Amino acid sequence: MGDLKAINWPIVVGCEQLTEGCDSCPSFKNAVEHKGIQGHIFEHGYQPYILQDQFSLPYSLKKQKIFHVALGSDIFHESITGDQLKLIFTVMNENKNHIFIVTSKRAERMHTATRRFKLKWSDNIVAAVSVESWDYKWRMDYLRQIECKHKSLSLVPLLGPMGILNLNGFESVCVEPETWENARPFSETWAVEIEKQCQEQKVEYYFNSNPDIWEDN
């Protein structure tokens, strides 16, 4: 990926607070503040919906980009239909000059939707599951079952020690503490333990302490 910075592809906006990792989500706060403001992406509040005008964005950018797909949202939210998912994946499949990072807490639906709707994880797509604490390590097992070349573990936000991690099938791990408003406590010891396991299992490790670095489109 070199020195490229990731940018957001807001093909889906809005989400739903699912587990404790969502409790201080800045997107939720943004949605509450801007609900009812005509023309704002959160005009309708935090209810997930597709931004139709975003389908053309990857096609319009000829220089290679790394896209976080629906950052602060989740394309595998239950309100996103199979037909909509297929359209999103078609855009990613057709824009092989770009890299797309698809991160979801809804690992089970990611798995079932991939099979049911025959979604193609082309080699320019990174599939990632978000696991904020050891309680949700089971999400990793669903991702292992998906046929995808590039798989990543997103420990964002990391809320506690992860214990022993089986990183078989994963090529990278990203750790990020909460740095936004109402951030919860973070211990560097948690990150050090994870980094050590990555080194032992020969998996790339990334620590991001400054998440607000998105490049303008």
C-alpha atoms as a PDB file:
ATOM      1  CA  MET A   1       0.000   0.000   0.000  1.00  0.00           C
ATOM      2  CA  GLY A   2       3.060   2.221   0.196  1.00  0.00           C
ATOM      3  CA  ASP A   3       2.496   5.771   1.394  1.00  0.00           C
ATOM      4  CA  LEU A   4      -1.113   6.002   0.207  1.00  0.00           C
ATOM      5  CA  LYS A   5      -3.554   7.314   2.768  1.00  0.00           C
ATOM      6  CA  ALA A   6      -6.998   5.783   3.075  1.00  0.00           C
ATOM      7  CA  ILE A   7     -10.084   7.823   2.294  1.00  0.00           C
ATOM      8  CA  ASN A   8     -13.695   7.105   3.062  1.00  0.00           C
ATOM      9  CA  TRP A   9     -16.090   5.824   0.396  1.00  0.00           C
ATOM     10  CA  PRO A  10     -19.427   6.688   2.071  1.00  0.00           C
ATOM     11  CA  ILE A  11     -21.544   4.392  -0.061  1.00  0.00           C
ATOM     12  CA  VAL A  12     -23.556   3.603   3.088  1.00  0.00           C
ATOM     13  CA  VAL A  13     -24.116   6.074   5.920  1.00  0.00           C
ATOM     14  CA  GLY A  14     -25.788   5.483   9.240  1.00  0.00           C
ATOM     15  CA  CYS A  15     -25.650   2.326  11.277  1.00  0.00           C
ATOM     16  CA  GLU A  16     -26.907   0.909  14.562  1.00  0.00           C
ATOM     17  CA  GLN A  17     -25.224   0.660  17.929  1.00  0.00           C
ATOM     18  CA  LEU A  18     -24.586  -3.069  18.114  1.00  0.00           C
ATOM     19  CA  THR A  19     -22.087  -3.767  20.912  1.00  0.00           C
ATOM     20  CA  GLU A  20     -20.026  -1.763  23.399  1.00  0.00           C
ATOM     21  CA  GLY A  21     -17.467  -0.893  20.737  1.00  0.00           C
ATOM     22  CA  CYS A  22     -20.150   1.390  19.282  1.00  0.00           C
ATOM     23  CA  ASP A  23     -20.927   3.239  22.504  1.00  0.00           C
ATOM     24  CA  SER A  24     -18.842   6.345  21.784  1.00  0.00           C
ATOM     25  CA  CYS A  25     -18.980   6.219  17.979  1.00  0.00           C
ATOM     26  CA  PRO A  26     -18.307   9.712  16.563  1.00  0.00           C
ATOM     27  CA  SER A  27     -20.566   8.960  13.575  1.00  0.00           C
ATOM     28  CA  PHE A  28     -23.527   8.437  15.891  1.00  0.00           C
ATOM     29  CA  LYS A  29     -22.854  11.772  17.601  1.00  0.00           C
ATOM     30  CA  ASN A  30     -22.560  13.428  14.198  1.00  0.00           C
ATOM     31  CA  ALA A  31     -25.876  11.910  13.104  1.00  0.00           C
ATOM     32  CA  VAL A  32     -27.689  13.130  16.218  1.00  0.00           C
ATOM     33  CA  GLU A  33     -26.338  16.659  15.756  1.00  0.00           C
ATOM     34  CA  HIS A  34     -27.244  16.893  12.058  1.00  0.00           C
ATOM     35  CA  LYS A  35     -30.562  15.041  11.913  1.00  0.00           C
ATOM     36  CA  GLY A  36     -33.120  17.112  10.032  1.00  0.00           C
ATOM     37  CA  ILE A  37     -30.559  19.382   8.364  1.00  0.00           C
ATOM     38  CA  GLN A  38     -31.467  19.288   4.689  1.00  0.00           C
ATOM     39  CA  GLY A  39     -28.630  18.196   2.409  1.00  0.00           C
ATOM     40  CA  HIS A  40     -26.450  16.748   5.181  1.00  0.00           C
ATOM     41  CA  ILE A  41     -25.599  13.040   4.864  1.00  0.00           C
ATOM     42  CA  PHE A  42     -27.207  12.506   8.274  1.00  0.00           C
ATOM     43  CA  GLU A  43     -30.348  14.409   7.358  1.00  0.00           C
ATOM     44  CA  HIS A  44     -32.330  11.252   8.200  1.00  0.00           C
ATOM     45  CA  GLY A  45     -30.443  10.539  11.412  1.00  0.00           C
ATOM     46  CA  TYR A  46     -28.512   7.333  12.023  1.00  0.00           C
ATOM     47  CA  GLN A  47     -30.800   5.077   9.975  1.00  0.00           C
ATOM     48  CA  PRO A  48     -28.573   3.268   7.425  1.00  0.00           C
ATOM     49  CA  TYR A  49     -29.138   4.054   3.774  1.00  0.00           C
ATOM     50  CA  ILE A  50     -27.308   4.031   0.441  1.00  0.00           C
ATOM     51  CA  LEU A  51     -25.854   7.240  -0.993  1.00  0.00           C
ATOM     52  CA  GLN A  52     -26.659   6.680  -4.652  1.00  0.00           C
ATOM     53  CA  ASP A  53     -24.341   9.405  -5.911  1.00  0.00           C
ATOM     54  CA  GLN A  54     -21.367   7.574  -4.395  1.00  0.00           C
ATOM     55  CA  PHE A  55     -21.497   4.639  -6.812  1.00  0.00           C
ATOM     56  CA  SER A  56     -19.591   6.687  -9.392  1.00  0.00           C
ATOM     57  CA  LEU A  57     -16.790   7.880  -7.092  1.00  0.00           C
ATOM     58  CA  PRO A  58     -14.274   5.024  -7.604  1.00  0.00           C
ATOM     59  CA  TYR A  59     -14.745   5.233 -11.395  1.00  0.00           C
ATOM     60  CA  SER A  60     -14.019   8.967 -11.375  1.00  0.00           C
ATOM     61  CA  LEU A  61     -10.640   8.651  -9.641  1.00  0.00           C
ATOM     62  CA  LYS A  62      -7.999   7.324 -11.994  1.00  0.00           C
ATOM     63  CA  LYS A  63      -5.085   7.573  -9.567  1.00  0.00           C
ATOM     64  CA  GLN A  64      -4.930   4.608  -7.196  1.00  0.00           C
ATOM     65  CA  LYS A  65      -6.736   5.101  -3.904  1.00  0.00           C
ATOM     66  CA  ILE A  66      -7.284   3.053  -0.767  1.00  0.00           C
ATOM     67  CA  PHE A  67     -10.918   3.237   0.257  1.00  0.00           C
ATOM     68  CA  HIS A  68     -12.393   2.474   3.634  1.00  0.00           C
ATOM     69  CA  VAL A  69     -15.826   1.280   2.568  1.00  0.00           C
ATOM     70  CA  ALA A  70     -18.564   3.061   4.545  1.00  0.00           C
ATOM     71  CA  LEU A  71     -16.301   4.163   7.392  1.00  0.00           C
ATOM     72  CA  GLY A  72     -18.425   4.636  10.508  1.00  0.00           C
ATOM     73  CA  SER A  73     -21.162   2.496   8.993  1.00  0.00           C
ATOM     74  CA  ASP A  74     -21.457  -1.154   7.909  1.00  0.00           C
ATOM     75  CA  ILE A  75     -22.459  -2.388   4.450  1.00  0.00           C
ATOM     76  CA  PHE A  76     -23.509  -5.670   6.070  1.00  0.00           C
ATOM     77  CA  HIS A  77     -26.145  -4.024   8.227  1.00  0.00           C
ATOM     78  CA  GLU A  78     -29.381  -5.984   7.894  1.00  0.00           C
ATOM     79  CA  SER A  79     -31.142  -3.072   6.186  1.00  0.00           C
ATOM     80  CA  ILE A  80     -28.769  -3.238   3.200  1.00  0.00           C
ATOM     81  CA  THR A  81     -30.362  -5.634   0.724  1.00  0.00           C
ATOM     82  CA  GLY A  82     -28.694  -8.374  -1.277  1.00  0.00           C
ATOM     83  CA  ASP A  83     -29.206  -6.427  -4.516  1.00  0.00           C
ATOM     84  CA  GLN A  84     -27.556  -3.376  -2.966  1.00  0.00           C
ATOM     85  CA  LEU A  85     -24.623  -5.464  -1.758  1.00  0.00           C
ATOM     86  CA  LYS A  86     -24.189  -6.907  -5.240  1.00  0.00           C
ATOM     87  CA  LEU A  87     -24.058  -3.389  -6.702  1.00  0.00           C
ATOM     88  CA  ILE A  88     -21.434  -2.334  -4.157  1.00  0.00           C
ATOM     89  CA  PHE A  89     -19.313  -5.393  -4.900  1.00  0.00           C
ATOM     90  CA  THR A  90     -19.653  -4.856  -8.643  1.00  0.00           C
ATOM     91  CA  VAL A  91     -18.114  -1.399  -8.247  1.00  0.00           C
ATOM     92  CA  MET A  92     -15.234  -2.822  -6.210  1.00  0.00           C
ATOM     93  CA  ASN A  93     -14.713  -5.723  -8.621  1.00  0.00           C
ATOM     94  CA  GLU A  94     -14.626  -3.375 -11.628  1.00  0.00           C
ATOM     95  CA  ASN A  95     -12.197  -0.890 -10.064  1.00  0.00           C
ATOM     96  CA  LYS A  96      -9.174  -3.116  -9.592  1.00  0.00           C
ATOM     97  CA  ASN A  97      -6.830  -0.123  -9.668  1.00  0.00           C
ATOM     98  CA  HIS A  98      -8.142   0.800  -6.212  1.00  0.00           C
ATOM     99  CA  ILE A  99      -7.943  -1.032  -2.889  1.00  0.00           C
ATOM    100  CA  PHE A 100     -11.127  -1.396  -0.845  1.00  0.00           C
ATOM    101  CA  ILE A 101     -11.136  -2.193   2.881  1.00  0.00           C
ATOM    102  CA  VAL A 102     -14.482  -3.614   4.012  1.00  0.00           C
ATOM    103  CA  THR A 103     -14.789  -3.777   7.800  1.00  0.00           C
ATOM    104  CA  SER A 104     -17.798  -5.194   9.634  1.00  0.00           C
ATOM    105  CA  LYS A 105     -18.901  -6.148  13.116  1.00  0.00           C
ATOM    106  CA  ARG A 106     -21.644  -8.234  11.487  1.00  0.00           C
ATOM    107  CA  ALA A 107     -19.343 -11.132  10.672  1.00  0.00           C
ATOM    108  CA  GLU A 108     -22.130 -13.696  10.491  1.00  0.00           C
ATOM    109  CA  ARG A 109     -24.063 -11.725   7.882  1.00  0.00           C
ATOM    110  CA  MET A 110     -20.834 -11.018   6.005  1.00  0.00           C
ATOM    111  CA  HIS A 111     -20.370 -14.770   5.755  1.00  0.00           C
ATOM    112  CA  THR A 112     -23.958 -15.714   4.885  1.00  0.00           C
ATOM    113  CA  ALA A 113     -24.440 -12.828   2.423  1.00  0.00           C
ATOM    114  CA  THR A 114     -21.221 -13.764   0.603  1.00  0.00           C
ATOM    115  CA  ARG A 115     -22.582 -17.246  -0.005  1.00  0.00           C
ATOM    116  CA  ARG A 116     -26.241 -16.356  -0.578  1.00  0.00           C
ATOM    117  CA  PHE A 117     -25.638 -13.476  -2.998  1.00  0.00           C
ATOM    118  CA  LYS A 118     -22.432 -14.894  -4.524  1.00  0.00           C
ATOM    119  CA  LEU A 119     -20.386 -11.825  -3.621  1.00  0.00           C
ATOM    120  CA  LYS A 120     -16.919 -11.859  -5.179  1.00  0.00           C
ATOM    121  CA  TRP A 121     -14.050 -10.750  -2.970  1.00  0.00           C
ATOM    122  CA  SER A 122     -11.638  -9.812  -5.748  1.00  0.00           C
ATOM    123  CA  ASP A 123      -7.960  -9.459  -4.883  1.00  0.00           C
ATOM    124  CA  ASN A 124      -8.244  -5.673  -4.505  1.00  0.00           C
ATOM    125  CA  ILE A 125     -10.645  -6.070  -1.558  1.00  0.00           C
ATOM    126  CA  VAL A 126      -9.522  -6.529   2.048  1.00  0.00           C
ATOM    127  CA  ALA A 127     -12.103  -8.221   4.276  1.00  0.00           C
ATOM    128  CA  ALA A 128     -11.860  -7.191   7.922  1.00  0.00           C
ATOM    129  CA  VAL A 129     -13.815  -7.948  11.069  1.00  0.00           C
ATOM    130  CA  SER A 130     -13.989  -5.507  13.939  1.00  0.00           C
ATOM    131  CA  VAL A 131     -13.326  -7.074  17.346  1.00  0.00           C
ATOM    132  CA  GLU A 132     -13.263  -4.602  20.216  1.00  0.00           C
ATOM    133  CA  SER A 133     -12.755  -7.113  23.056  1.00  0.00           C
ATOM    134  CA  TRP A 134     -12.112 -10.798  23.676  1.00  0.00           C
ATOM    135  CA  ASP A 135     -15.883 -11.397  23.940  1.00  0.00           C
ATOM    136  CA  TYR A 136     -16.159 -11.060  20.172  1.00  0.00           C
ATOM    137  CA  LYS A 137     -13.220 -13.117  18.941  1.00  0.00           C
ATOM    138  CA  TRP A 138     -15.799 -15.521  17.451  1.00  0.00           C
ATOM    139  CA  ARG A 139     -16.257 -13.012  14.618  1.00  0.00           C
ATOM    140  CA  MET A 140     -12.850 -14.051  13.327  1.00  0.00           C
ATOM    141  CA  ASP A 141     -14.093 -17.590  12.694  1.00  0.00           C
ATOM    142  CA  TYR A 142     -16.769 -16.359  10.278  1.00  0.00           C
ATOM    143  CA  LEU A 143     -14.222 -14.381   8.282  1.00  0.00           C
ATOM    144  CA  ARG A 144     -11.951 -17.414   8.031  1.00  0.00           C
ATOM    145  CA  GLN A 145     -14.736 -19.213   6.149  1.00  0.00           C
ATOM    146  CA  ILE A 146     -14.979 -16.528   3.443  1.00  0.00           C
ATOM    147  CA  GLU A 147     -13.034 -17.047   0.229  1.00  0.00           C
ATOM    148  CA  CYS A 148     -10.954 -13.886   0.182  1.00  0.00           C
ATOM    149  CA  LYS A 149      -7.227 -13.404  -0.440  1.00  0.00           C
ATOM    150  CA  HIS A 150      -6.738 -10.525   2.000  1.00  0.00           C
ATOM    151  CA  LYS A 151      -8.132 -10.770   5.537  1.00  0.00           C
ATOM    152  CA  SER A 152      -7.504  -8.362   8.371  1.00  0.00           C
ATOM    153  CA  LEU A 153      -8.368  -8.095  12.050  1.00  0.00           C
ATOM    154  CA  SER A 154      -9.510  -4.647  13.178  1.00  0.00           C
ATOM    155  CA  LEU A 155      -9.123  -4.206  16.932  1.00  0.00           C
ATOM    156  CA  VAL A 156     -10.821  -0.837  16.798  1.00  0.00           C
ATOM    157  CA  PRO A 157     -11.490   0.541  19.281  1.00  0.00           C
ATOM    158  CA  LEU A 158      -9.484  -1.760  21.521  1.00  0.00           C
ATOM    159  CA  LEU A 159     -11.263  -1.835  24.882  1.00  0.00           C
ATOM    160  CA  GLY A 160      -9.265  -4.419  26.810  1.00  0.00           C
ATOM    161  CA  PRO A 161      -6.693  -7.229  26.679  1.00  0.00           C
ATOM    162  CA  MET A 162      -7.330  -9.768  23.924  1.00  0.00           C
ATOM    163  CA  GLY A 163      -5.666 -12.788  25.468  1.00  0.00           C
ATOM    164  CA  ILE A 164      -4.409 -15.470  23.084  1.00  0.00           C
ATOM    165  CA  LEU A 165      -5.144 -14.731  19.429  1.00  0.00           C
ATOM    166  CA  ASN A 166      -5.266 -17.345  16.690  1.00  0.00           C
ATOM    167  CA  LEU A 167      -4.284 -15.289  13.645  1.00  0.00           C
ATOM    168  CA  ASN A 168      -4.353 -18.176  11.191  1.00  0.00           C
ATOM    169  CA  GLY A 169      -5.774 -16.904   7.907  1.00  0.00           C
ATOM    170  CA  PHE A 170      -5.173 -13.227   8.698  1.00  0.00           C
ATOM    171  CA  GLU A 171      -2.432 -11.185   7.065  1.00  0.00           C
ATOM    172  CA  SER A 172      -2.687  -8.057   9.194  1.00  0.00           C
ATOM    173  CA  VAL A 173      -3.924  -6.672  12.510  1.00  0.00           C
ATOM    174  CA  CYS A 174      -4.777  -3.035  13.180  1.00  0.00           C
ATOM    175  CA  VAL A 175      -4.982  -1.675  16.730  1.00  0.00           C
ATOM    176  CA  GLU A 176      -6.502   1.681  17.525  1.00  0.00           C
ATOM    177  CA  PRO A 177      -7.519   3.260  20.829  1.00  0.00           C
ATOM    178  CA  GLU A 178     -10.390   5.691  21.140  1.00  0.00           C
ATOM    179  CA  THR A 179      -9.022   9.199  20.610  1.00  0.00           C
ATOM    180  CA  TRP A 180     -12.315  10.978  20.124  1.00  0.00           C
ATOM    181  CA  GLU A 181     -14.729  12.509  22.618  1.00  0.00           C
ATOM    182  CA  ASN A 182     -15.640  10.311  25.631  1.00  0.00           C
ATOM    183  CA  ALA A 183     -12.652   8.034  24.953  1.00  0.00           C
ATOM    184  CA  ARG A 184     -12.410   5.076  27.301  1.00  0.00           C
ATOM    185  CA  PRO A 185      -9.188   3.998  29.057  1.00  0.00           C
ATOM    186  CA  PHE A 186      -6.486   2.328  26.985  1.00  0.00           C
ATOM    187  CA  SER A 187      -3.406   0.432  28.133  1.00  0.00           C
ATOM    188  CA  GLU A 188      -0.291   0.215  25.983  1.00  0.00           C
ATOM    189  CA  THR A 189       0.246  -3.231  27.507  1.00  0.00           C
ATOM    190  CA  TRP A 190      -2.719  -4.547  25.511  1.00  0.00           C
ATOM    191  CA  ALA A 191      -1.141  -3.353  22.265  1.00  0.00           C
ATOM    192  CA  VAL A 192       2.313  -4.699  23.163  1.00  0.00           C
ATOM    193  CA  GLU A 193       0.871  -8.162  23.841  1.00  0.00           C
ATOM    194  CA  ILE A 194      -0.944  -8.129  20.490  1.00  0.00           C
ATOM    195  CA  GLU A 195       2.142  -6.937  18.612  1.00  0.00           C
ATOM    196  CA  LYS A 196       4.188  -9.742  20.144  1.00  0.00           C
ATOM    197  CA  GLN A 197       1.666 -12.340  18.962  1.00  0.00           C
ATOM    198  CA  CYS A 198       1.697 -10.819  15.471  1.00  0.00           C
ATOM    199  CA  GLN A 199       5.471 -11.124  15.346  1.00  0.00           C
ATOM    200  CA  GLU A 200       5.333 -14.738  16.540  1.00  0.00           C
ATOM    201  CA  GLN A 201       2.676 -15.634  13.949  1.00  0.00           C
ATOM    202  CA  LYS A 202       4.282 -13.552  11.153  1.00  0.00           C
ATOM    203  CA  VAL A 203       1.296 -11.233  10.724  1.00  0.00           C
ATOM    204  CA  GLU A 204       1.623  -7.531   9.888  1.00  0.00           C
ATOM    205  CA  TYR A 205       0.855  -5.235  12.813  1.00  0.00           C
ATOM    206  CA  TYR A 206      -0.368  -1.647  12.606  1.00  0.00           C
ATOM    207  CA  PHE A 207      -0.991   0.769  15.455  1.00  0.00           C
ATOM    208  CA  ASN A 208      -2.940   3.905  14.653  1.00  0.00           C
ATOM    209  CA  SER A 209      -3.036   6.544  17.359  1.00  0.00           C
ATOM    210  CA  ASN A 210      -4.239   9.285  15.008  1.00  0.00           C
ATOM    211  CA  PRO A 211      -7.306   8.036  13.112  1.00  0.00           C
ATOM    212  CA  ASP A 212      -8.350  11.468  11.844  1.00  0.00           C
ATOM    213  CA  ILE A 213      -5.966  11.451   8.910  1.00  0.00           C
ATOM    214  CA  TRP A 214      -8.346  10.860   6.005  1.00  0.00           C
ATOM    215  CA  GLU A 215      -7.240  12.482   2.791  1.00  0.00           C
ATOM    216  CA  ASP A 216      -9.805  14.613   0.979  1.00  0.00           C
ATOM    217  CA  ASN A 217     -11.449  12.960  -2.019  1.00  0.00           C
END
